[in-house]
Amino acid sequence: MNDINGKYDSKSHGIVVENRKKIILTGVKEVESFNDDDIIVVTNLGGLRIRGKKLEVAKINVETGDMEVSGMIDSIHYSDSVRTPNNIITKLFR
């Protein structure tokens, strides 16, 4: 999100849901995984999982952290932890 001077605040995160068919996100750091039913992203404030049907990443700007998702949104869930490939592999080989 932009502050009063128009600069990107790396600590902020925002989400707007429009009619359960479109989500506009700010403060996205990286996309962990995505498919038609599930999108997992890392935001400035933790992990975010979007579930639905026919989901697609319509737009993404890695420089500003802006992202747009379209499809039928069923749920949005925040978590403080984020799955990473290293964590999954580490757990598999314990």
Protein backbone atom coordinates (compact mmCIF):
# COMPACT_ATOMS: atom_id res chain seq x y z
CA MET A 1 0.00 0.00 0.00
CA ASN A 2 1.13 3.53 -0.55
CA ASP A 3 1.67 5.98 2.27
CA ILE A 4 0.82 9.67 2.18
CA ASN A 5 3.93 10.38 0.09
CA GLY A 6 3.09 7.67 -2.44
CA LYS A 7 5.88 5.35 -1.31
CA TYR A 8 5.39 1.60 -0.89
CA ASP A 9 5.30 0.50 2.74
CA SER A 10 6.91 -2.93 2.94
CA LYS A 11 5.13 -3.71 6.24
CA SER A 12 1.59 -3.15 4.98
CA HIS A 13 -0.83 -5.65 3.48
CA GLY A 14 -4.35 -5.21 2.16
CA ILE A 15 -7.08 -7.35 0.71
CA VAL A 16 -10.26 -6.43 -1.16
CA VAL A 17 -12.82 -9.05 -2.17
CA GLU A 18 -15.29 -8.13 -4.90
CA ASN A 19 -18.43 -10.29 -5.14
CA ARG A 20 -16.45 -13.46 -4.26
CA LYS A 21 -15.12 -13.39 -7.84
CA LYS A 22 -12.08 -11.18 -7.54
CA ILE A 23 -9.45 -10.49 -4.87
CA ILE A 24 -7.02 -7.59 -4.96
CA LEU A 25 -4.00 -8.04 -2.68
CA THR A 26 -1.23 -5.68 -1.69
CA GLY A 27 1.90 -6.51 0.27
CA VAL A 28 2.52 -9.85 -1.46
CA LYS A 29 6.12 -11.02 -1.11
CA GLU A 30 5.94 -14.29 -3.06
CA VAL A 31 3.57 -16.90 -4.45
CA GLU A 32 4.28 -20.27 -2.79
CA SER A 33 1.96 -22.34 -4.97
CA PHE A 34 -1.17 -22.11 -7.04
CA ASN A 35 -3.63 -24.23 -8.99
CA ASP A 36 -7.30 -24.00 -9.98
CA ASP A 37 -8.50 -24.67 -6.41
CA ASP A 38 -5.81 -23.31 -4.10
CA ILE A 39 -3.42 -20.34 -4.01
CA ILE A 40 -0.85 -19.87 -1.24
CA VAL A 41 1.04 -16.59 -0.96
CA VAL A 42 3.44 -15.00 1.50
CA THR A 43 2.41 -11.49 2.50
CA ASN A 44 4.18 -8.90 4.61
CA LEU A 45 2.04 -10.08 7.53
CA GLY A 46 2.27 -13.87 7.09
CA GLY A 47 0.87 -16.66 4.99
CA LEU A 48 -2.41 -16.39 3.11
CA ARG A 49 -4.35 -19.26 1.53
CA ILE A 50 -7.17 -18.68 -0.96
CA ARG A 51 -9.44 -21.59 -1.82
CA GLY A 52 -12.06 -21.72 -4.52
CA LYS A 53 -12.87 -22.90 -8.01
CA LYS A 54 -11.30 -21.91 -11.32
CA LEU A 55 -8.84 -19.63 -9.51
CA GLU A 56 -6.22 -17.85 -11.55
CA VAL A 57 -3.63 -15.19 -10.91
CA ALA A 58 -4.94 -12.46 -13.19
CA LYS A 59 -2.20 -9.90 -12.44
CA ILE A 60 0.94 -9.72 -10.34
CA ASN A 61 3.54 -7.01 -9.89
CA VAL A 62 6.55 -8.27 -7.97
CA GLU A 63 8.02 -4.79 -7.60
CA THR A 64 5.02 -3.31 -5.79
CA GLY A 65 3.63 -6.50 -4.23
CA ASP A 66 0.23 -6.10 -5.92
CA MET A 67 -1.71 -9.17 -7.05
CA GLU A 68 -5.14 -9.88 -8.45
CA VAL A 69 -6.89 -13.25 -8.31
CA SER A 70 -10.06 -14.14 -10.18
CA GLY A 71 -12.40 -17.13 -9.91
CA MET A 72 -15.00 -18.29 -7.39
CA ILE A 73 -13.61 -17.62 -3.90
CA ASP A 74 -14.72 -20.08 -1.20
CA SER A 75 -12.37 -19.16 1.65
CA ILE A 76 -9.46 -16.99 2.72
CA HIS A 77 -7.25 -18.10 5.59
CA TYR A 78 -4.31 -16.35 7.24
CA SER A 79 -1.56 -18.13 9.11
CA ASP A 80 1.63 -17.03 10.80
CA SER A 81 3.57 -19.90 9.28
CA VAL A 82 4.12 -20.49 5.60
CA ARG A 83 4.88 -23.77 3.87
CA THR A 84 8.19 -23.73 2.11
CA PRO A 85 9.78 -26.49 0.05
CA ASN A 86 12.63 -26.76 2.58
CA ASN A 87 10.21 -27.27 5.48
CA ILE A 88 8.28 -29.96 3.62
CA ILE A 89 11.43 -31.83 2.59
CA THR A 90 12.86 -31.55 6.10
CA LYS A 91 9.68 -33.03 7.58
CA LEU A 92 9.65 -35.89 5.04
CA PHE A 93 13.18 -36.98 5.83
CA ARG A 94 13.04 -36.84 9.64
